[in-house]
PDB file of N, CA and C in Angstrom:
ATOM      1  N   MET A   1     150.340 121.665  55.562  1.00  0.00           N
ATOM      2  CA  MET A   1     149.282 120.945  54.914  1.00  0.00           C
ATOM      3  C   MET A   1     147.995 121.719  55.130  1.00  0.00           C
ATOM      4  N   ARG A   2     147.226 121.883  54.087  1.00  0.00           N
ATOM      5  CA  ARG A   2     145.944 122.562  54.189  1.00  0.00           C
ATOM      6  C   ARG A   2     144.847 121.574  53.884  1.00  0.00           C
ATOM      7  N   ARG A   3     143.816 121.595  54.701  1.00  0.00           N
ATOM      8  CA  ARG A   3     142.640 120.791  54.423  1.00  0.00           C
ATOM      9  C   ARG A   3     141.481 121.334  55.220  1.00  0.00           C
ATOM     10  N   THR A   4     140.304 121.091  54.733  1.00  0.00           N
ATOM     11  CA  THR A   4     139.105 121.531  55.414  1.00  0.00           C
ATOM     12  C   THR A   4     138.642 120.408  56.330  1.00  0.00           C
ATOM     13  N   VAL A   5     138.342 120.754  57.542  1.00  0.00           N
ATOM     14  CA  VAL A   5     137.885 119.756  58.509  1.00  0.00           C
ATOM     15  C   VAL A   5     136.545 120.210  59.050  1.00  0.00           C
ATOM     16  N   ALA A   6     135.555 119.384  58.862  1.00  0.00           N
ATOM     17  CA  ALA A   6     134.234 119.697  59.410  1.00  0.00           C
ATOM     18  C   ALA A   6     134.275 119.496  60.918  1.00  0.00           C
ATOM     19  N   PRO A   7     133.553 120.315  61.673  1.00  0.00           N
ATOM     20  CA  PRO A   7     133.543 120.141  63.121  1.00  0.00           C
ATOM     21  C   PRO A   7     133.103 118.734  63.500  1.00  0.00           C
ATOM     22  N   GLY A   8     133.883 118.100  64.345  1.00  0.00           N
ATOM     23  CA  GLY A   8     133.541 116.768  64.818  1.00  0.00           C
ATOM     24  C   GLY A   8     133.879 115.657  63.849  1.00  0.00           C
ATOM     25  N   SER A   9     134.470 115.994  62.694  1.00  0.00           N
ATOM     26  CA  SER A   9     134.734 114.963  61.691  1.00  0.00           C
ATOM     27  C   SER A   9     135.807 113.987  62.133  1.00  0.00           C
ATOM     28  N   GLY A  10     136.614 114.370  63.080  1.00  0.00           N
ATOM     29  CA  GLY A  10     137.700 113.506  63.508  1.00  0.00           C
ATOM     30  C   GLY A  10     137.302 112.426  64.487  1.00  0.00           C
ATOM     31  N   ALA A  11     136.089 112.444  64.982  1.00  0.00           N
ATOM     32  CA  ALA A  11     135.611 111.446  65.951  1.00  0.00           C
ATOM     33  C   ALA A  11     136.607 111.257  67.086  1.00  0.00           C
ATOM     34  N   GLY A  12     137.188 112.365  67.527  1.00  0.00           N
ATOM     35  CA  GLY A  12     138.138 112.294  68.632  1.00  0.00           C
ATOM     36  C   GLY A  12     139.563 111.992  68.200  1.00  0.00           C
ATOM     37  N   ARG A  13     139.792 111.840  66.902  1.00  0.00           N
ATOM     38  CA  ARG A  13     141.132 111.541  66.423  1.00  0.00           C
ATOM     39  C   ARG A  13     141.915 112.798  66.070  1.00  0.00           C
ATOM     40  N   GLU A  14     141.243 113.938  66.051  1.00  0.00           N
ATOM     41  CA  GLU A  14     141.907 115.191  65.717  1.00  0.00           C
ATOM     42  C   GLU A  14     141.624 116.227  66.795  1.00  0.00           C
ATOM     43  N   ALA A  15     142.594 117.088  66.984  1.00  0.00           N
ATOM     44  CA  ALA A  15     142.434 118.204  67.912  1.00  0.00           C
ATOM     45  C   ALA A  15     142.779 119.474  67.142  1.00  0.00           C
ATOM     46  N   ALA A  16     141.974 120.502  67.302  1.00  0.00           N
ATOM     47  CA  ALA A  16     142.213 121.760  66.593  1.00  0.00           C
ATOM     48  C   ALA A  16     142.516 122.856  67.606  1.00  0.00           C
ATOM     49  N   GLY A  17     143.380 123.749  67.188  1.00  0.00           N
ATOM     50  CA  GLY A  17     143.725 124.878  68.033  1.00  0.00           C
ATOM     51  C   GLY A  17     144.083 126.064  67.160  1.00  0.00           C
ATOM     52  N   ALA A  18     144.157 127.231  67.769  1.00  0.00           N
ATOM     53  CA  ALA A  18     144.479 128.453  67.032  1.00  0.00           C
ATOM     54  C   ALA A  18     145.903 128.380  66.492  1.00  0.00           C
ATOM     55  N   ASP A  19     146.092 128.898  65.292  1.00  0.00           N
ATOM     56  CA  ASP A  19     147.417 128.987  64.682  1.00  0.00           C
ATOM     57  C   ASP A  19     148.041 130.307  65.145  1.00  0.00           C
ATOM     58  N   PRO A  20     149.130 130.256  65.892  1.00  0.00           N
ATOM     59  CA  PRO A  20     149.718 131.495  66.406  1.00  0.00           C
ATOM     60  C   PRO A  20     150.306 132.388  65.314  1.00  0.00           C
ATOM     61  N   THR A  21     150.545 131.839  64.130  1.00  0.00           N
ATOM     62  CA  THR A  21     151.131 132.634  63.050  1.00  0.00           C
ATOM     63  C   THR A  21     150.082 133.183  62.085  1.00  0.00           C
ATOM     64  N   ASP A  22     148.842 132.716  62.192  1.00  0.00           N
ATOM     65  CA  ASP A  22     147.786 133.151  61.280  1.00  0.00           C
ATOM     66  C   ASP A  22     146.457 133.080  62.024  1.00  0.00           C
ATOM     67  N   LYS A  23     145.957 134.227  62.445  1.00  0.00           N
ATOM     68  CA  LYS A  23     144.738 134.268  63.272  1.00  0.00           C
ATOM     69  C   LYS A  23     143.501 133.758  62.536  1.00  0.00           C
ATOM     70  N   ARG A  24     143.561 133.659  61.200  1.00  0.00           N
ATOM     71  CA  ARG A  24     142.421 133.148  60.433  1.00  0.00           C
ATOM     72  C   ARG A  24     142.384 131.628  60.427  1.00  0.00           C
ATOM     73  N   ALA A  25     143.500 130.999  60.744  1.00  0.00           N
ATOM     74  CA  ALA A  25     143.641 129.547  60.587  1.00  0.00           C
ATOM     75  C   ALA A  25     143.546 128.824  61.916  1.00  0.00           C
ATOM     76  N   ARG A  26     143.253 127.551  61.809  1.00  0.00           N
ATOM     77  CA  ARG A  26     143.292 126.658  62.965  1.00  0.00           C
ATOM     78  C   ARG A  26     144.213 125.498  62.622  1.00  0.00           C
ATOM     79  N   LEU A  27     145.025 125.096  63.553  1.00  0.00           N
ATOM     80  CA  LEU A  27     145.917 123.959  63.367  1.00  0.00           C
ATOM     81  C   LEU A  27     145.170 122.690  63.752  1.00  0.00           C
ATOM     82  N   VAL A  28     145.297 121.660  62.933  1.00  0.00           N
ATOM     83  CA  VAL A  28     144.678 120.377  63.224  1.00  0.00           C
ATOM     84  C   VAL A  28     145.792 119.361  63.386  1.00  0.00           C
ATOM     85  N   CYS A  29     145.785 118.657  64.487  1.00  0.00           N
ATOM     86  CA  CYS A  29     146.801 117.639  64.713  1.00  0.00           C
ATOM     87  C   CYS A  29     146.138 116.412  65.333  1.00  0.00           C
ATOM     88  N   GLY A  30     146.872 115.339  65.354  1.00  0.00           N
ATOM     89  CA  GLY A  30     146.339 114.104  65.911  1.00  0.00           C
ATOM     90  C   GLY A  30     146.141 114.214  67.410  1.00  0.00           C
ATOM     91  N   ALA A  31     145.004 113.737  67.860  1.00  0.00           N
ATOM     92  CA  ALA A  31     144.727 113.694  69.293  1.00  0.00           C
ATOM     93  C   ALA A  31     145.246 112.361  69.840  1.00  0.00           C
ATOM     94  N   GLU A  32     145.131 112.153  71.122  1.00  0.00           N
ATOM     95  CA  GLU A  32     145.632 110.930  71.750  1.00  0.00           C
ATOM     96  C   GLU A  32     144.985 109.695  71.146  1.00  0.00           C
ATOM     97  N   LYS A  33     143.714 109.781  70.792  1.00  0.00           N
ATOM     98  CA  LYS A  33     143.031 108.631  70.191  1.00  0.00           C
ATOM     99  C   LYS A  33     143.722 108.222  68.887  1.00  0.00           C
ATOM    100  N   ALA A  34     144.137 109.198  68.089  1.00  0.00           N
ATOM    101  CA  ALA A  34     144.845 108.906  66.838  1.00  0.00           C
ATOM    102  C   ALA A  34     146.219 108.314  67.134  1.00  0.00           C
ATOM    103  N   SER A  35     146.894 108.846  68.119  1.00  0.00           N
ATOM    104  CA  SER A  35     148.214 108.329  68.484  1.00  0.00           C
ATOM    105  C   SER A  35     148.131 106.884  68.948  1.00  0.00           C
ATOM    106  N   ALA A  36     147.114 106.573  69.733  1.00  0.00           N
ATOM    107  CA  ALA A  36     146.935 105.206  70.220  1.00  0.00           C
ATOM    108  C   ALA A  36     146.639 104.256  69.063  1.00  0.00           C
ATOM    109  N   ALA A  37     145.789 104.682  68.145  1.00  0.00           N
ATOM    110  CA  ALA A  37     145.467 103.842  66.988  1.00  0.00           C
ATOM    111  C   ALA A  37     146.697 103.622  66.114  1.00  0.00           C
ATOM    112  N   LYS A  38     147.508 104.666  65.956  1.00  0.00           N
ATOM    113  CA  LYS A  38     148.724 104.536  65.145  1.00  0.00           C
ATOM    114  C   LYS A  38     149.707 103.565  65.790  1.00  0.00           C
ATOM    115  N   ARG A  39     149.841 103.605  67.095  1.00  0.00           N
ATOM    116  CA  ARG A  39     150.746 102.673  67.781  1.00  0.00           C
ATOM    117  C   ARG A  39     150.301 101.228  67.562  1.00  0.00           C
ATOM    118  N   VAL A  40     148.999 100.972  67.657  1.00  0.00           N
ATOM    119  CA  VAL A  40     148.474  99.622  67.432  1.00  0.00           C
ATOM    120  C   VAL A  40     148.732  99.202  65.986  1.00  0.00           C
ATOM    121  N   ALA A  41     148.413 100.083  65.041  1.00  0.00           N
ATOM    122  CA  ALA A  41     148.614  99.763  63.624  1.00  0.00           C
ATOM    123  C   ALA A  41     150.085  99.508  63.318  1.00  0.00           C
ATOM    124  N   ASP A  42     150.968 100.320  63.851  1.00  0.00           N
ATOM    125  CA  ASP A  42     152.408 100.143  63.615  1.00  0.00           C
ATOM    126  C   ASP A  42     152.887  98.795  64.147  1.00  0.00           C
ATOM    127  N   ALA A  43     152.376  98.381  65.299  1.00  0.00           N
ATOM    128  CA  ALA A  43     152.757  97.092  65.877  1.00  0.00           C
ATOM    129  C   ALA A  43     152.282  95.937  64.997  1.00  0.00           C
ATOM    130  N   VAL A  44     151.067  96.044  64.464  1.00  0.00           N
ATOM    131  CA  VAL A  44     150.531  94.996  63.584  1.00  0.00           C
ATOM    132  C   VAL A  44     151.354  94.925  62.298  1.00  0.00           C
ATOM    133  N   VAL A  45     151.668  96.081  61.713  1.00  0.00           N
ATOM    134  CA  VAL A  45     152.473  96.111  60.489  1.00  0.00           C
ATOM    135  C   VAL A  45     153.836  95.466  60.746  1.00  0.00           C
ATOM    136  N   ALA A  46     154.473  95.805  61.845  1.00  0.00           N
ATOM    137  CA  ALA A  46     155.791  95.239  62.164  1.00  0.00           C
ATOM    138  C   ALA A  46     155.707  93.722  62.311  1.00  0.00           C
ATOM    139  N   GLU A  47     154.655  93.235  62.947  1.00  0.00           N
ATOM    140  CA  GLU A  47     154.477  91.793  63.141  1.00  0.00           C
ATOM    141  C   GLU A  47     154.299  91.079  61.793  1.00  0.00           C
ATOM    142  N   VAL A  48     153.478  91.652  60.923  1.00  0.00           N
ATOM    143  CA  VAL A  48     153.243  91.057  59.602  1.00  0.00           C
ATOM    144  C   VAL A  48     154.536  91.063  58.785  1.00  0.00           C
ATOM    145  N   GLU A  49     155.266  92.186  58.815  1.00  0.00           N
ATOM    146  CA  GLU A  49     156.513  92.265  58.050  1.00  0.00           C
ATOM    147  C   GLU A  49     157.530  91.243  58.548  1.00  0.00           C
ATOM    148  N   GLN A  50     157.607  91.033  59.844  1.00  0.00           N
ATOM    149  CA  GLN A  50     158.524  90.028  60.388  1.00  0.00           C
ATOM    150  C   GLN A  50     158.130  88.629  59.924  1.00  0.00           C
ATOM    151  N   GLU A  51     156.832  88.348  59.938  1.00  0.00           N
ATOM    152  CA  GLU A  51     156.349  87.042  59.495  1.00  0.00           C
ATOM    153  C   GLU A  51     156.675  86.821  58.016  1.00  0.00           C
ATOM    154  N   TRP A  52     156.417  87.833  57.202  1.00  0.00           N
ATOM    155  CA  TRP A  52     156.687  87.711  55.772  1.00  0.00           C
ATOM    156  C   TRP A  52     158.181  87.586  55.505  1.00  0.00           C
ATOM    157  N   GLU A  53     158.981  88.351  56.232  1.00  0.00           N
ATOM    158  CA  GLU A  53     160.432  88.288  56.057  1.00  0.00           C
ATOM    159  C   GLU A  53     160.963  86.909  56.426  1.00  0.00           C
ATOM    160  N   ALA A  54     160.430  86.315  57.466  1.00  0.00           N
ATOM    161  CA  ALA A  54     160.849  84.965  57.869  1.00  0.00           C
ATOM    162  C   ALA A  54     160.509  83.949  56.776  1.00  0.00           C
ATOM    163  N   HIS A  55     159.440  84.202  56.047  1.00  0.00           N
ATOM    164  CA  HIS A  55     158.986  83.267  55.020  1.00  0.00           C
ATOM    165  C   HIS A  55     159.691  83.468  53.680  1.00  0.00           C
ATOM    166  N   ILE A  56     159.878  84.733  53.260  1.00  0.00           N
ATOM    167  CA  ILE A  56     160.440  84.983  51.920  1.00  0.00           C
ATOM    168  C   ILE A  56     161.836  85.608  51.939  1.00  0.00           C
ATOM    169  N   GLY A  57     162.335  85.978  53.090  1.00  0.00           N
ATOM    170  CA  GLY A  57     163.673  86.563  53.186  1.00  0.00           C
ATOM    171  C   GLY A  57     163.644  88.084  53.076  1.00  0.00           C
ATOM    172  N   THR A  58     164.720  88.692  53.563  1.00  0.00           N
ATOM    173  CA  THR A  58     164.815  90.147  53.610  1.00  0.00           C
ATOM    174  C   THR A  58     164.787  90.786  52.222  1.00  0.00           C
ATOM    175  N   ARG A  59     165.561  90.238  51.289  1.00  0.00           N
ATOM    176  CA  ARG A  59     165.636  90.826  49.955  1.00  0.00           C
ATOM    177  C   ARG A  59     164.270  90.835  49.281  1.00  0.00           C
ATOM    178  N   ARG A  60     163.569  89.729  49.327  1.00  0.00           N
ATOM    179  CA  ARG A  60     162.251  89.669  48.673  1.00  0.00           C
ATOM    180  C   ARG A  60     161.227  90.530  49.400  1.00  0.00           C
ATOM    181  N   LYS A  61     161.318  90.602  50.708  1.00  0.00           N
ATOM    182  CA  LYS A  61     160.391  91.477  51.447  1.00  0.00           C
ATOM    183  C   LYS A  61     160.611  92.925  51.045  1.00  0.00           C
ATOM    184  N   ASP A  62     161.874  93.332  50.919  1.00  0.00           N
ATOM    185  CA  ASP A  62     162.186  94.696  50.492  1.00  0.00           C
ATOM    186  C   ASP A  62     161.699  94.949  49.063  1.00  0.00           C
ATOM    187  N   GLN A  63     161.845  93.951  48.183  1.00  0.00           N
ATOM    188  CA  GLN A  63     161.350  94.079  46.816  1.00  0.00           C
ATOM    189  C   GLN A  63     159.824  94.190  46.794  1.00  0.00           C
ATOM    190  N   LEU A  64     159.164  93.426  47.644  1.00  0.00           N
ATOM    191  CA  LEU A  64     157.706  93.482  47.731  1.00  0.00           C
ATOM    192  C   LEU A  64     157.253  94.866  48.180  1.00  0.00           C
ATOM    193  N   ARG A  65     157.898  95.407  49.199  1.00  0.00           N
ATOM    194  CA  ARG A  65     157.555  96.749  49.679  1.00  0.00           C
ATOM    195  C   ARG A  65     157.747  97.780  48.563  1.00  0.00           C
ATOM    196  N   GLU A  66     158.849  97.680  47.835  1.00  0.00           N
ATOM    197  CA  GLU A  66     159.112  98.616  46.747  1.00  0.00           C
ATOM    198  C   GLU A  66     158.033  98.501  45.661  1.00  0.00           C
ATOM    199  N   ALA A  67     157.688  97.270  45.281  1.00  0.00           N
ATOM    200  CA  ALA A  67     156.675  97.066  44.238  1.00  0.00           C
ATOM    201  C   ALA A  67     155.320  97.600  44.688  1.00  0.00           C
ATOM    202  N   LEU A  68     154.935  97.331  45.919  1.00  0.00           N
ATOM    203  CA  LEU A  68     153.644  97.813  46.423  1.00  0.00           C
ATOM    204  C   LEU A  68     153.624  99.337  46.510  1.00  0.00           C
ATOM    205  N   THR A  69     154.742  99.935  46.877  1.00  0.00           N
ATOM    206  CA  THR A  69     154.829 101.391  46.931  1.00  0.00           C
ATOM    207  C   THR A  69     154.661 101.988  45.535  1.00  0.00           C
ATOM    208  N   LEU A  70     155.280 101.374  44.540  1.00  0.00           N
ATOM    209  CA  LEU A  70     155.137 101.849  43.161  1.00  0.00           C
ATOM    210  C   LEU A  70     153.688 101.713  42.676  1.00  0.00           C
ATOM    211  N   LEU A  71     153.013 100.654  43.071  1.00  0.00           N
ATOM    212  CA  LEU A  71     151.630 100.444  42.644  1.00  0.00           C
ATOM    213  C   LEU A  71     150.673 101.468  43.248  1.00  0.00           C
ATOM    214  N   ARG A  72     151.061 102.079  44.342  1.00  0.00           N
ATOM    215  CA  ARG A  72     150.203 103.123  44.931  1.00  0.00           C
ATOM    216  C   ARG A  72     149.932 104.243  43.949  1.00  0.00           C
ATOM    217  N   ASP A  73     150.896 104.512  43.072  1.00  0.00           N
ATOM    218  CA  ASP A  73     150.717 105.585  42.086  1.00  0.00           C
ATOM    219  C   ASP A  73     149.481 105.373  41.222  1.00  0.00           C
ATOM    220  N   ILE A  74     149.120 104.130  40.952  1.00  0.00           N
ATOM    221  CA  ILE A  74     147.966 103.869  40.092  1.00  0.00           C
ATOM    222  C   ILE A  74     146.745 103.377  40.853  1.00  0.00           C
ATOM    223  N   THR A  75     146.907 103.036  42.122  1.00  0.00           N
ATOM    224  CA  THR A  75     145.769 102.501  42.873  1.00  0.00           C
ATOM    225  C   THR A  75     145.258 103.434  43.961  1.00  0.00           C
ATOM    226  N   ASP A  76     146.065 104.404  44.361  1.00  0.00           N
ATOM    227  CA  ASP A  76     145.698 105.282  45.471  1.00  0.00           C
ATOM    228  C   ASP A  76     145.741 106.741  45.007  1.00  0.00           C
ATOM    229  N   PRO A  77     144.570 107.339  44.755  1.00  0.00           N
ATOM    230  CA  PRO A  77     144.563 108.715  44.250  1.00  0.00           C
ATOM    231  C   PRO A  77     145.129 109.733  45.238  1.00  0.00           C
ATOM    232  N   TRP A  78     145.235 109.387  46.500  1.00  0.00           N
ATOM    233  CA  TRP A  78     145.743 110.322  47.509  1.00  0.00           C
ATOM    234  C   TRP A  78     147.229 110.127  47.789  1.00  0.00           C
ATOM    235  N   ALA A  79     147.862 109.150  47.164  1.00  0.00           N
ATOM    236  CA  ALA A  79     149.260 108.832  47.459  1.00  0.00           C
ATOM    237  C   ALA A  79     150.189 110.021  47.247  1.00  0.00           C
ATOM    238  N   LEU A  80     150.034 110.732  46.143  1.00  0.00           N
ATOM    239  CA  LEU A  80     150.909 111.871  45.881  1.00  0.00           C
ATOM    240  C   LEU A  80     150.712 112.962  46.911  1.00  0.00           C
ATOM    241  N   ARG A  81     149.476 113.201  47.309  1.00  0.00           N
ATOM    242  CA  ARG A  81     149.228 114.234  48.322  1.00  0.00           C
ATOM    243  C   ARG A  81     149.880 113.850  49.646  1.00  0.00           C
ATOM    244  N   ARG A  82     149.771 112.572  50.037  1.00  0.00           N
ATOM    245  CA  ARG A  82     150.368 112.131  51.296  1.00  0.00           C
ATOM    246  C   ARG A  82     151.879 112.202  51.228  1.00  0.00           C
ATOM    247  N   ALA A  83     152.447 111.946  50.073  1.00  0.00           N
ATOM    248  CA  ALA A  83     153.908 111.977  49.932  1.00  0.00           C
ATOM    249  C   ALA A  83     154.454 113.378  50.168  1.00  0.00           C
ATOM    250  N   HIS A  84     153.628 114.399  49.874  1.00  0.00           N
ATOM    251  CA  HIS A  84     154.094 115.779  50.013  1.00  0.00           C
ATOM    252  C   HIS A  84     153.644 116.436  51.312  1.00  0.00           C
ATOM    253  N   ASN A  85     152.748 115.792  52.031  1.00  0.00           N
ATOM    254  CA  ASN A  85     152.249 116.336  53.302  1.00  0.00           C
ATOM    255  C   ASN A  85     152.635 115.377  54.417  1.00  0.00           C
ATOM    256  N   THR A  86     152.843 115.936  55.580  1.00  0.00           N
ATOM    257  CA  THR A  86     153.118 115.073  56.730  1.00  0.00           C
ATOM    258  C   THR A  86     152.039 115.322  57.765  1.00  0.00           C
ATOM    259  N   PHE A  87     151.650 114.265  58.408  1.00  0.00           N
ATOM    260  CA  PHE A  87     150.673 114.345  59.484  1.00  0.00           C
ATOM    261  C   PHE A  87     151.215 113.515  60.614  1.00  0.00           C
ATOM    262  N   HIS A  88     151.560 114.136  61.686  1.00  0.00           N
ATOM    263  CA  HIS A  88     152.135 113.424  62.821  1.00  0.00           C
ATOM    264  C   HIS A  88     151.080 113.249  63.885  1.00  0.00           C
ATOM    265  N   ALA A  89     150.724 112.012  64.119  1.00  0.00           N
ATOM    266  CA  ALA A  89     149.714 111.733  65.148  1.00  0.00           C
ATOM    267  C   ALA A  89     150.388 111.557  66.473  1.00  0.00           C
TER     268      ALA A  89
END
């Protein structure tokens, strides 16, 4: 994944280091702050999905997820870029 990162733009959520395969490049990856935030967010998402599944059932929850994922194509201009890039925090 290629992207330009301004110094300090990550507010502690990103860590940059030299790319051993390309001396011109710097690797940007998630710092501990990003990992901690992702763990909290993942827990909240799991809790909400469990609540919704208990209310509407597994089949409808899966259909809802599929429909919302399809709607990203028209509502989220960055969806295609994220689908092709991975960022591991």
